[in-house]
Amino acid sequence: MAMGARHTDLSGPLGRQTGWVVHHFAEVDSTNDEACRLRDAGAGPRTAVLADAQRAGRGRGGRAFASPPGGLYLSLLWQARPADLPHAAVALAALAARAAVAAEGAAAGLKWPNDLWVGGRKLGGILLEAAGAERPVVIGVGLNLAAVPPGLEPRAAFTALEAEVGRPVDRTRLVASLLAAVDHWSARLRAPGGAEALAAAWRAALLLVGESVSLRVGGSEVHGRLLDAGLERGLLLDPGAGDPVWLPAARIAELRPWPRRMEARERGPNGPPPGGGAGAAGATP
């Protein structure tokens, strides 16, 4: 635990609602790091870490993510099977976050690989960190709640949940909804045909399919129309010259709309936003 961090065990109120053990901190370096420490100390699956702010949040690719007060910074210990990693675990968390946001009245879509968008603007994202076989993985979820963090330009490329629903959002209720949705999708995933059901739900929520996009593949930028996506297969791109081609997810560093109608050049610490792939809107958050 970070020196001077104020810690509260929220297992009582949230535990009665969800059955999860929830640890709350006023401020930490990273909720993902805090979840790892709890795991190393013996904490099991269905343990969560919630923070009001982070000093050293990070996103996809290790990018720094500023996490001031006013956001949701949550990390979960989740028991994965080898077949769940990494794609099913990220999809499950993204669908759970989407369901929690929907319960507050905002319709979010998923932008490959790990972002939540509302109205074409980035609301948040997911970050997965695994650590060996049979150990719970850490899933970070970060959402802008009260406002878009300062330093992100252009501001129009981002949004916050309270701006979308037009009222204050109860963070405890939002966390309870998200944890319940994680449990729902975990049960679906373990049931017969669950992997296919999860993949279908993820695909149905995916944005930019059928649109012109720009992909960064290795050191090159590739343009075309996004025809399809698969959890395991990656992205199917029609380059306009030649046959459509499946690009493996491991080769793709970035996906953006094209033309870059919402180009967001980074002026702050949160990584490239709307297509950029700063994994969690803070969630490591």
C-alpha atoms as a PDB file:
ATOM      1  CA  MET A   1       0.000   0.000   0.000  1.00  0.00           C
ATOM      2  CA  ALA A   2       1.274   3.489  -0.803  1.00  0.00           C
ATOM      3  CA  MET A   3       2.502   5.427   2.193  1.00  0.00           C
ATOM      4  CA  GLY A   4      -0.190   7.688   3.594  1.00  0.00           C
ATOM      5  CA  ALA A   5      -2.990   6.104   1.561  1.00  0.00           C
ATOM      6  CA  ARG A   6      -6.317   6.014   3.382  1.00  0.00           C
ATOM      7  CA  HIS A   7      -7.882   2.564   3.120  1.00  0.00           C
ATOM      8  CA  THR A   8     -11.469   1.543   3.717  1.00  0.00           C
ATOM      9  CA  ASP A   9     -12.903  -1.945   3.476  1.00  0.00           C
ATOM     10  CA  LEU A  10     -16.194  -1.575   1.587  1.00  0.00           C
ATOM     11  CA  SER A  11     -16.981  -5.268   1.794  1.00  0.00           C
ATOM     12  CA  GLY A  12     -19.965  -4.516   4.026  1.00  0.00           C
ATOM     13  CA  PRO A  13     -22.175  -2.324   1.794  1.00  0.00           C
ATOM     14  CA  LEU A  14     -20.938  -3.532  -1.576  1.00  0.00           C
ATOM     15  CA  GLY A  15     -20.350  -7.071  -0.367  1.00  0.00           C
ATOM     16  CA  ARG A  16     -23.974  -7.439   0.653  1.00  0.00           C
ATOM     17  CA  GLN A  17     -25.004  -6.313  -2.822  1.00  0.00           C
ATOM     18  CA  THR A  18     -22.422  -8.172  -4.890  1.00  0.00           C
ATOM     19  CA  GLY A  19     -20.547 -10.735  -2.817  1.00  0.00           C
ATOM     20  CA  TRP A  20     -17.229  -9.084  -3.739  1.00  0.00           C
ATOM     21  CA  VAL A  21     -14.563  -7.881  -1.303  1.00  0.00           C
ATOM     22  CA  VAL A  22     -13.962  -4.214  -2.168  1.00  0.00           C
ATOM     23  CA  HIS A  23     -11.013  -2.192  -0.838  1.00  0.00           C
ATOM     24  CA  HIS A  24     -11.261   1.580  -1.182  1.00  0.00           C
ATOM     25  CA  PHE A  25      -8.314   3.998  -1.142  1.00  0.00           C
ATOM     26  CA  ALA A  26      -8.330   7.767  -1.259  1.00  0.00           C
ATOM     27  CA  GLU A  27      -5.237   7.682  -3.478  1.00  0.00           C
ATOM     28  CA  VAL A  28      -2.813   5.042  -4.706  1.00  0.00           C
ATOM     29  CA  ASP A  29      -0.055   4.855  -7.254  1.00  0.00           C
ATOM     30  CA  SER A  30      -2.107   2.355  -9.260  1.00  0.00           C
ATOM     31  CA  THR A  31      -5.174   0.274  -8.472  1.00  0.00           C
ATOM     32  CA  ASN A  32      -3.768  -2.537 -10.603  1.00  0.00           C
ATOM     33  CA  ASP A  33      -0.582  -2.532  -8.531  1.00  0.00           C
ATOM     34  CA  GLU A  34      -2.647  -2.509  -5.340  1.00  0.00           C
ATOM     35  CA  ALA A  35      -4.671  -5.472  -6.605  1.00  0.00           C
ATOM     36  CA  CYS A  36      -1.435  -7.329  -7.382  1.00  0.00           C
ATOM     37  CA  ARG A  37      -0.211  -6.711  -3.838  1.00  0.00           C
ATOM     38  CA  LEU A  38      -3.455  -8.038  -2.419  1.00  0.00           C
ATOM     39  CA  ARG A  39      -3.202 -11.105  -4.648  1.00  0.00           C
ATOM     40  CA  ASP A  40       0.379 -11.714  -3.518  1.00  0.00           C
ATOM     41  CA  ALA A  41      -0.822 -11.468   0.088  1.00  0.00           C
ATOM     42  CA  GLY A  42      -3.391 -14.192  -0.521  1.00  0.00           C
ATOM     43  CA  ALA A  43      -6.471 -12.389  -1.810  1.00  0.00           C
ATOM     44  CA  GLY A  44      -8.542 -14.479  -4.187  1.00  0.00           C
ATOM     45  CA  PRO A  45     -10.863 -13.845  -7.121  1.00  0.00           C
ATOM     46  CA  ARG A  46     -13.772 -11.454  -6.672  1.00  0.00           C
ATOM     47  CA  THR A  47     -11.577  -8.948  -4.855  1.00  0.00           C
ATOM     48  CA  ALA A  48     -11.707  -5.342  -6.066  1.00  0.00           C
ATOM     49  CA  VAL A  49      -9.659  -2.187  -5.485  1.00  0.00           C
ATOM     50  CA  LEU A  50     -11.308   1.216  -5.871  1.00  0.00           C
ATOM     51  CA  ALA A  51      -9.445   4.536  -5.648  1.00  0.00           C
ATOM     52  CA  ASP A  52     -10.516   8.168  -5.737  1.00  0.00           C
ATOM     53  CA  ALA A  53      -7.301   9.091  -7.572  1.00  0.00           C
ATOM     54  CA  GLN A  54      -4.076   7.552  -8.858  1.00  0.00           C
ATOM     55  CA  ARG A  55      -0.598   8.997  -8.937  1.00  0.00           C
ATOM     56  CA  ALA A  56       0.845   6.606 -11.491  1.00  0.00           C
ATOM     57  CA  GLY A  57      -2.039   5.125 -13.442  1.00  0.00           C
ATOM     58  CA  ARG A  58      -1.134   3.459 -16.690  1.00  0.00           C
ATOM     59  CA  GLY A  59      -2.905   2.279 -19.795  1.00  0.00           C
ATOM     60  CA  ARG A  60      -2.316  -0.035 -22.715  1.00  0.00           C
ATOM     61  CA  GLY A  61       1.315  -0.312 -23.699  1.00  0.00           C
ATOM     62  CA  GLY A  62       2.442   1.139 -20.383  1.00  0.00           C
ATOM     63  CA  ARG A  63       1.308   4.649 -21.307  1.00  0.00           C
ATOM     64  CA  ALA A  64       0.862   6.980 -18.351  1.00  0.00           C
ATOM     65  CA  PHE A  65      -2.714   7.835 -17.504  1.00  0.00           C
ATOM     66  CA  ALA A  66      -3.554  10.826 -15.336  1.00  0.00           C
ATOM     67  CA  SER A  67      -6.215   9.867 -12.814  1.00  0.00           C
ATOM     68  CA  PRO A  68      -7.398  12.894 -10.820  1.00  0.00           C
ATOM     69  CA  PRO A  69     -10.401  12.820  -8.492  1.00  0.00           C
ATOM     70  CA  GLY A  70     -13.670  12.597 -10.362  1.00  0.00           C
ATOM     71  CA  GLY A  71     -13.186   9.322 -12.215  1.00  0.00           C
ATOM     72  CA  LEU A  72     -13.801   5.635 -11.644  1.00  0.00           C
ATOM     73  CA  TYR A  73     -10.527   3.777 -11.036  1.00  0.00           C
ATOM     74  CA  LEU A  74     -11.261   0.135 -10.319  1.00  0.00           C
ATOM     75  CA  SER A  75      -9.219  -3.066 -10.517  1.00  0.00           C
ATOM     76  CA  LEU A  76     -10.552  -6.596 -10.168  1.00  0.00           C
ATOM     77  CA  LEU A  77      -9.033  -9.983  -9.394  1.00  0.00           C
ATOM     78  CA  TRP A  78     -10.674 -12.405 -11.804  1.00  0.00           C
ATOM     79  CA  GLN A  79     -10.007 -16.115 -12.209  1.00  0.00           C
ATOM     80  CA  ALA A  80      -9.262 -16.803 -15.849  1.00  0.00           C
ATOM     81  CA  ARG A  81      -8.733 -20.040 -17.706  1.00  0.00           C
ATOM     82  CA  PRO A  82      -5.905 -20.217 -20.261  1.00  0.00           C
ATOM     83  CA  ALA A  83      -8.459 -20.013 -23.068  1.00  0.00           C
ATOM     84  CA  ASP A  84      -9.803 -16.749 -21.647  1.00  0.00           C
ATOM     85  CA  LEU A  85      -6.534 -14.846 -22.078  1.00  0.00           C
ATOM     86  CA  PRO A  86      -6.249 -12.256 -23.224  1.00  0.00           C
ATOM     87  CA  HIS A  87      -9.197 -11.643 -25.520  1.00  0.00           C
ATOM     88  CA  ALA A  88     -12.178 -13.118 -23.656  1.00  0.00           C
ATOM     89  CA  ALA A  89     -11.126 -11.499 -20.378  1.00  0.00           C
ATOM     90  CA  VAL A  90     -10.910  -8.038 -21.953  1.00  0.00           C
ATOM     91  CA  ALA A  91     -14.204  -8.532 -23.800  1.00  0.00           C
ATOM     92  CA  LEU A  92     -15.935  -9.654 -20.607  1.00  0.00           C
ATOM     93  CA  ALA A  93     -14.735  -6.600 -18.693  1.00  0.00           C
ATOM     94  CA  ALA A  94     -15.651  -4.255 -21.543  1.00  0.00           C
ATOM     95  CA  LEU A  95     -19.168  -5.686 -21.777  1.00  0.00           C
ATOM     96  CA  ALA A  96     -19.565  -5.422 -17.999  1.00  0.00           C
ATOM     97  CA  ALA A  97     -18.479  -1.776 -18.019  1.00  0.00           C
ATOM     98  CA  ARG A  98     -20.824  -1.112 -20.933  1.00  0.00           C
ATOM     99  CA  ALA A  99     -23.722  -2.665 -18.994  1.00  0.00           C
ATOM    100  CA  ALA A 100     -22.960  -0.545 -15.923  1.00  0.00           C
ATOM    101  CA  VAL A 101     -22.878   2.609 -18.036  1.00  0.00           C
ATOM    102  CA  ALA A 102     -26.144   1.597 -19.707  1.00  0.00           C
ATOM    103  CA  ALA A 103     -27.759   1.172 -16.288  1.00  0.00           C
ATOM    104  CA  GLU A 104     -27.003   4.865 -15.699  1.00  0.00           C
ATOM    105  CA  GLY A 105     -28.643   5.826 -18.987  1.00  0.00           C
ATOM    106  CA  ALA A 106     -25.730   6.141 -21.426  1.00  0.00           C
ATOM    107  CA  ALA A 107     -25.406   3.993 -24.550  1.00  0.00           C
ATOM    108  CA  ALA A 108     -21.748   3.056 -24.959  1.00  0.00           C
ATOM    109  CA  GLY A 109     -20.111   1.100 -27.738  1.00  0.00           C
ATOM    110  CA  LEU A 110     -16.771  -0.687 -27.787  1.00  0.00           C
ATOM    111  CA  LYS A 111     -13.846   0.602 -29.816  1.00  0.00           C
ATOM    112  CA  TRP A 112     -11.272  -2.096 -30.513  1.00  0.00           C
ATOM    113  CA  PRO A 113      -9.322  -3.170 -28.600  1.00  0.00           C
ATOM    114  CA  ASN A 114     -10.275  -1.896 -25.170  1.00  0.00           C
ATOM    115  CA  ASP A 115     -12.053   1.475 -25.173  1.00  0.00           C
ATOM    116  CA  LEU A 116     -15.620   2.547 -24.383  1.00  0.00           C
ATOM    117  CA  TRP A 117     -17.054   5.314 -26.523  1.00  0.00           C
ATOM    118  CA  VAL A 118     -20.276   7.274 -26.194  1.00  0.00           C
ATOM    119  CA  GLY A 119     -21.369   9.359 -29.169  1.00  0.00           C
ATOM    120  CA  GLY A 120     -17.989   8.914 -30.865  1.00  0.00           C
ATOM    121  CA  ARG A 121     -16.059  10.125 -27.819  1.00  0.00           C
ATOM    122  CA  LYS A 122     -13.876   8.181 -25.442  1.00  0.00           C
ATOM    123  CA  LEU A 123     -15.406   7.510 -22.023  1.00  0.00           C
ATOM    124  CA  GLY A 124     -12.945   4.977 -20.680  1.00  0.00           C
ATOM    125  CA  GLY A 125     -11.294   1.646 -21.198  1.00  0.00           C
ATOM    126  CA  ILE A 126      -9.933  -1.646 -19.931  1.00  0.00           C
ATOM    127  CA  LEU A 127      -6.451  -2.883 -19.000  1.00  0.00           C
ATOM    128  CA  LEU A 128      -5.625  -6.548 -18.403  1.00  0.00           C
ATOM    129  CA  GLU A 129      -2.515  -7.716 -16.586  1.00  0.00           C
ATOM    130  CA  ALA A 130      -1.872 -11.429 -16.103  1.00  0.00           C
ATOM    131  CA  ALA A 131       0.735 -13.072 -13.864  1.00  0.00           C
ATOM    132  CA  GLY A 132       1.274 -16.754 -14.433  1.00  0.00           C
ATOM    133  CA  ALA A 133      -0.936 -19.784 -14.699  1.00  0.00           C
ATOM    134  CA  GLU A 134      -3.678 -20.386 -12.155  1.00  0.00           C
ATOM    135  CA  ARG A 135      -3.278 -16.977 -10.499  1.00  0.00           C
ATOM    136  CA  PRO A 136      -6.132 -14.462 -10.764  1.00  0.00           C
ATOM    137  CA  VAL A 137      -5.576 -11.849 -13.441  1.00  0.00           C
ATOM    138  CA  VAL A 138      -5.946  -8.156 -12.745  1.00  0.00           C
ATOM    139  CA  ILE A 139      -8.498  -6.283 -14.836  1.00  0.00           C
ATOM    140  CA  GLY A 140      -8.433  -2.504 -14.608  1.00  0.00           C
ATOM    141  CA  VAL A 141     -11.487  -0.450 -15.532  1.00  0.00           C
ATOM    142  CA  GLY A 142     -11.311   3.323 -15.848  1.00  0.00           C
ATOM    143  CA  LEU A 143     -14.137   5.708 -16.671  1.00  0.00           C
ATOM    144  CA  ASN A 144     -14.455   9.483 -16.740  1.00  0.00           C
ATOM    145  CA  LEU A 145     -17.305  10.250 -14.361  1.00  0.00           C
ATOM    146  CA  ALA A 146     -17.583  13.868 -13.232  1.00  0.00           C
ATOM    147  CA  ALA A 147     -15.480  15.427 -15.983  1.00  0.00           C
ATOM    148  CA  VAL A 148     -12.846  14.818 -18.614  1.00  0.00           C
ATOM    149  CA  PRO A 149      -9.391  14.984 -16.979  1.00  0.00           C
ATOM    150  CA  PRO A 150      -7.445  18.154 -17.784  1.00  0.00           C
ATOM    151  CA  GLY A 151      -4.723  18.062 -20.388  1.00  0.00           C
ATOM    152  CA  LEU A 152      -6.579  16.102 -23.053  1.00  0.00           C
ATOM    153  CA  GLU A 153      -6.972  17.844 -26.383  1.00  0.00           C
ATOM    154  CA  PRO A 154      -9.176  18.312 -28.233  1.00  0.00           C
ATOM    155  CA  ARG A 155     -11.734  18.166 -25.463  1.00  0.00           C
ATOM    156  CA  ALA A 156     -14.405  17.139 -27.966  1.00  0.00           C
ATOM    157  CA  ALA A 157     -12.677  13.768 -28.371  1.00  0.00           C
ATOM    158  CA  PHE A 158     -13.562  12.740 -24.814  1.00  0.00           C
ATOM    159  CA  THR A 159     -16.621  12.602 -22.647  1.00  0.00           C
ATOM    160  CA  ALA A 160     -17.663  11.941 -19.052  1.00  0.00           C
ATOM    161  CA  LEU A 161     -20.592   9.892 -17.813  1.00  0.00           C
ATOM    162  CA  GLU A 162     -22.255  12.708 -15.883  1.00  0.00           C
ATOM    163  CA  ALA A 163     -22.156  14.895 -18.996  1.00  0.00           C
ATOM    164  CA  GLU A 164     -23.855  12.139 -20.964  1.00  0.00           C
ATOM    165  CA  VAL A 165     -26.662  11.448 -18.496  1.00  0.00           C
ATOM    166  CA  GLY A 166     -27.092  15.032 -17.309  1.00  0.00           C
ATOM    167  CA  ARG A 167     -26.935  14.325 -13.570  1.00  0.00           C
ATOM    168  CA  PRO A 168     -24.527  13.208 -10.846  1.00  0.00           C
ATOM    169  CA  VAL A 169     -23.663   9.514 -10.892  1.00  0.00           C
ATOM    170  CA  ASP A 170     -23.492   7.509  -7.681  1.00  0.00           C
ATOM    171  CA  ARG A 171     -20.113   5.788  -7.922  1.00  0.00           C
ATOM    172  CA  THR A 172     -21.010   3.045  -5.440  1.00  0.00           C
ATOM    173  CA  ARG A 173     -24.083   2.151  -7.468  1.00  0.00           C
ATOM    174  CA  LEU A 174     -22.008   2.167 -10.655  1.00  0.00           C
ATOM    175  CA  VAL A 175     -19.414  -0.170  -9.109  1.00  0.00           C
ATOM    176  CA  ALA A 176     -22.147  -2.516  -7.866  1.00  0.00           C
ATOM    177  CA  SER A 177     -23.654  -2.648 -11.361  1.00  0.00           C
ATOM    178  CA  LEU A 178     -20.276  -3.327 -12.919  1.00  0.00           C
ATOM    179  CA  LEU A 179     -19.400  -6.136 -10.484  1.00  0.00           C
ATOM    180  CA  ALA A 180     -22.811  -7.736 -10.998  1.00  0.00           C
ATOM    181  CA  ALA A 181     -22.255  -7.593 -14.758  1.00  0.00           C
ATOM    182  CA  VAL A 182     -18.823  -9.217 -14.378  1.00  0.00           C
ATOM    183  CA  ASP A 183     -20.475 -12.053 -12.455  1.00  0.00           C
ATOM    184  CA  HIS A 184     -23.178 -12.345 -15.110  1.00  0.00           C
ATOM    185  CA  TRP A 185     -20.720 -12.625 -17.978  1.00  0.00           C
ATOM    186  CA  SER A 186     -18.435 -14.921 -15.994  1.00  0.00           C
ATOM    187  CA  ALA A 187     -21.328 -17.335 -15.530  1.00  0.00           C
ATOM    188  CA  ARG A 188     -22.241 -17.076 -19.222  1.00  0.00           C
ATOM    189  CA  LEU A 189     -18.645 -17.728 -20.234  1.00  0.00           C
ATOM    190  CA  ARG A 190     -18.471 -20.896 -18.130  1.00  0.00           C
ATOM    191  CA  ALA A 191     -21.758 -22.260 -19.511  1.00  0.00           C
ATOM    192  CA  PRO A 192     -21.952 -24.405 -22.655  1.00  0.00           C
ATOM    193  CA  GLY A 193     -21.533 -22.184 -25.686  1.00  0.00           C
ATOM    194  CA  GLY A 194     -20.415 -19.350 -23.432  1.00  0.00           C
ATOM    195  CA  ALA A 195     -17.323 -18.369 -25.395  1.00  0.00           C
ATOM    196  CA  GLU A 196     -19.410 -18.034 -28.546  1.00  0.00           C
ATOM    197  CA  ALA A 197     -22.079 -16.005 -26.713  1.00  0.00           C
ATOM    198  CA  LEU A 198     -19.459 -13.639 -25.297  1.00  0.00           C
ATOM    199  CA  ALA A 199     -17.794 -13.194 -28.675  1.00  0.00           C
ATOM    200  CA  ALA A 200     -21.146 -12.497 -30.336  1.00  0.00           C
ATOM    201  CA  ALA A 201     -22.109  -9.880 -27.724  1.00  0.00           C
ATOM    202  CA  TRP A 202     -18.703  -8.223 -28.027  1.00  0.00           C
ATOM    203  CA  ARG A 203     -18.964  -8.176 -31.816  1.00  0.00           C
ATOM    204  CA  ALA A 204     -22.472  -6.690 -31.689  1.00  0.00           C
ATOM    205  CA  ALA A 205     -21.237  -3.847 -29.462  1.00  0.00           C
ATOM    206  CA  LEU A 206     -18.191  -3.085 -31.592  1.00  0.00           C
ATOM    207  CA  LEU A 207     -17.963   0.313 -33.271  1.00  0.00           C
ATOM    208  CA  LEU A 208     -16.389   1.329 -36.595  1.00  0.00           C
ATOM    209  CA  VAL A 209     -17.329  -1.894 -38.419  1.00  0.00           C
ATOM    210  CA  GLY A 210     -18.244  -0.924 -41.979  1.00  0.00           C
ATOM    211  CA  GLU A 211     -16.412   2.395 -41.691  1.00  0.00           C
ATOM    212  CA  SER A 212     -13.168   3.705 -43.133  1.00  0.00           C
ATOM    213  CA  VAL A 213     -10.362   3.287 -40.621  1.00  0.00           C
ATOM    214  CA  SER A 214      -6.650   3.761 -40.180  1.00  0.00           C
ATOM    215  CA  LEU A 215      -4.537   1.003 -38.621  1.00  0.00           C
ATOM    216  CA  ARG A 216      -0.994   1.223 -37.358  1.00  0.00           C
ATOM    217  CA  VAL A 217       0.574  -2.142 -38.132  1.00  0.00           C
ATOM    218  CA  GLY A 218       4.180  -2.359 -37.078  1.00  0.00           C
ATOM    219  CA  GLY A 219       5.742   0.867 -38.265  1.00  0.00           C
ATOM    220  CA  SER A 220       3.270   1.402 -41.088  1.00  0.00           C
ATOM    221  CA  GLU A 221      -0.119   3.066 -41.361  1.00  0.00           C
ATOM    222  CA  VAL A 222      -2.753   1.177 -43.345  1.00  0.00           C
ATOM    223  CA  HIS A 223      -6.109   2.567 -44.503  1.00  0.00           C
ATOM    224  CA  GLY A 224      -9.209   0.702 -45.568  1.00  0.00           C
ATOM    225  CA  ARG A 225     -12.717  -0.298 -44.602  1.00  0.00           C
ATOM    226  CA  LEU A 226     -13.179  -2.388 -41.472  1.00  0.00           C
ATOM    227  CA  LEU A 227     -15.337  -5.348 -42.520  1.00  0.00           C
ATOM    228  CA  ASP A 228     -15.325  -7.506 -39.429  1.00  0.00           C
ATOM    229  CA  ALA A 229     -13.571  -8.319 -36.170  1.00  0.00           C
ATOM    230  CA  GLY A 230     -13.042 -11.434 -34.089  1.00  0.00           C
ATOM    231  CA  LEU A 231     -11.787 -11.925 -30.563  1.00  0.00           C
ATOM    232  CA  GLU A 232      -9.186 -14.408 -31.748  1.00  0.00           C
ATOM    233  CA  ARG A 233      -8.749 -13.516 -35.428  1.00  0.00           C
ATOM    234  CA  GLY A 234      -8.208  -9.768 -35.176  1.00  0.00           C
ATOM    235  CA  LEU A 235      -9.552  -7.291 -37.738  1.00  0.00           C
ATOM    236  CA  LEU A 236     -10.721  -7.901 -41.304  1.00  0.00           C
ATOM    237  CA  LEU A 237      -9.697  -4.978 -43.496  1.00  0.00           C
ATOM    238  CA  ASP A 238     -10.641  -4.189 -47.076  1.00  0.00           C
ATOM    239  CA  PRO A 239      -7.689  -2.127 -48.336  1.00  0.00           C
ATOM    240  CA  GLY A 240      -9.523  -1.160 -51.522  1.00  0.00           C
ATOM    241  CA  ALA A 241      -6.904  -2.766 -53.727  1.00  0.00           C
ATOM    242  CA  GLY A 242      -6.818  -6.519 -53.559  1.00  0.00           C
ATOM    243  CA  ASP A 243      -8.670  -8.949 -51.367  1.00  0.00           C
ATOM    244  CA  PRO A 244      -9.721  -8.267 -47.764  1.00  0.00           C
ATOM    245  CA  VAL A 245      -7.171  -9.495 -45.249  1.00  0.00           C
ATOM    246  CA  TRP A 246      -7.362 -10.570 -41.610  1.00  0.00           C
ATOM    247  CA  LEU A 247      -4.809  -8.709 -39.514  1.00  0.00           C
ATOM    248  CA  PRO A 248      -3.890 -10.500 -36.267  1.00  0.00           C
ATOM    249  CA  ALA A 249      -4.556  -8.458 -33.149  1.00  0.00           C
ATOM    250  CA  ALA A 250      -0.962  -8.863 -31.989  1.00  0.00           C
ATOM    251  CA  ARG A 251       0.262  -6.944 -35.062  1.00  0.00           C
ATOM    252  CA  ILE A 252      -2.084  -3.970 -34.651  1.00  0.00           C
ATOM    253  CA  ALA A 253      -0.933  -1.122 -32.437  1.00  0.00           C
ATOM    254  CA  GLU A 254      -3.735   1.331 -33.116  1.00  0.00           C
ATOM    255  CA  LEU A 255      -7.152   1.721 -34.742  1.00  0.00           C
ATOM    256  CA  ARG A 256      -8.699   5.071 -35.629  1.00  0.00           C
ATOM    257  CA  PRO A 257     -11.558   6.382 -37.726  1.00  0.00           C
ATOM    258  CA  TRP A 258     -10.387   7.662 -41.107  1.00  0.00           C
ATOM    259  CA  PRO A 259     -10.335  10.482 -42.009  1.00  0.00           C
ATOM    260  CA  ARG A 260      -9.347  11.343 -38.464  1.00  0.00           C
ATOM    261  CA  ARG A 261     -12.484  13.228 -37.673  1.00  0.00           C
ATOM    262  CA  MET A 262     -11.597  13.195 -33.981  1.00  0.00           C
ATOM    263  CA  GLU A 263      -7.809  13.431 -34.097  1.00  0.00           C
ATOM    264  CA  ALA A 264      -6.593  13.848 -30.532  1.00  0.00           C
ATOM    265  CA  ARG A 265      -2.958  14.723 -30.371  1.00  0.00           C
ATOM    266  CA  GLU A 266      -1.613  14.071 -26.955  1.00  0.00           C
ATOM    267  CA  ARG A 267      -0.853  17.159 -24.910  1.00  0.00           C
ATOM    268  CA  GLY A 268      -1.317  15.513 -21.578  1.00  0.00           C
ATOM    269  CA  PRO A 269      -0.312  12.234 -19.954  1.00  0.00           C
ATOM    270  CA  ASN A 270      -3.214   9.996 -20.959  1.00  0.00           C
ATOM    271  CA  GLY A 271      -2.048   8.469 -24.227  1.00  0.00           C
ATOM    272  CA  PRO A 272      -3.686   8.870 -27.619  1.00  0.00           C
ATOM    273  CA  PRO A 273      -7.413   8.964 -27.007  1.00  0.00           C
ATOM    274  CA  PRO A 274     -10.072   8.101 -29.431  1.00  0.00           C
ATOM    275  CA  GLY A 275      -8.357   5.435 -31.338  1.00  0.00           C
ATOM    276  CA  GLY A 276      -5.279   5.509 -29.371  1.00  0.00           C
ATOM    277  CA  GLY A 277      -5.524   2.613 -27.131  1.00  0.00           C
ATOM    278  CA  ALA A 278      -4.615   4.052 -23.751  1.00  0.00           C
ATOM    279  CA  GLY A 279      -6.154   0.977 -22.315  1.00  0.00           C
ATOM    280  CA  ALA A 280      -8.084   1.971 -19.346  1.00  0.00           C
ATOM    281  CA  ALA A 281      -9.330   5.381 -19.051  1.00  0.00           C
ATOM    282  CA  GLY A 282      -6.996   5.229 -16.237  1.00  0.00           C
ATOM    283  CA  ALA A 283      -7.585   1.923 -14.986  1.00  0.00           C
ATOM    284  CA  THR A 284      -4.519   0.663 -13.784  1.00  0.00           C
ATOM    285  CA  PRO A 285      -5.711   1.676 -13.617  1.00  0.00           C
END
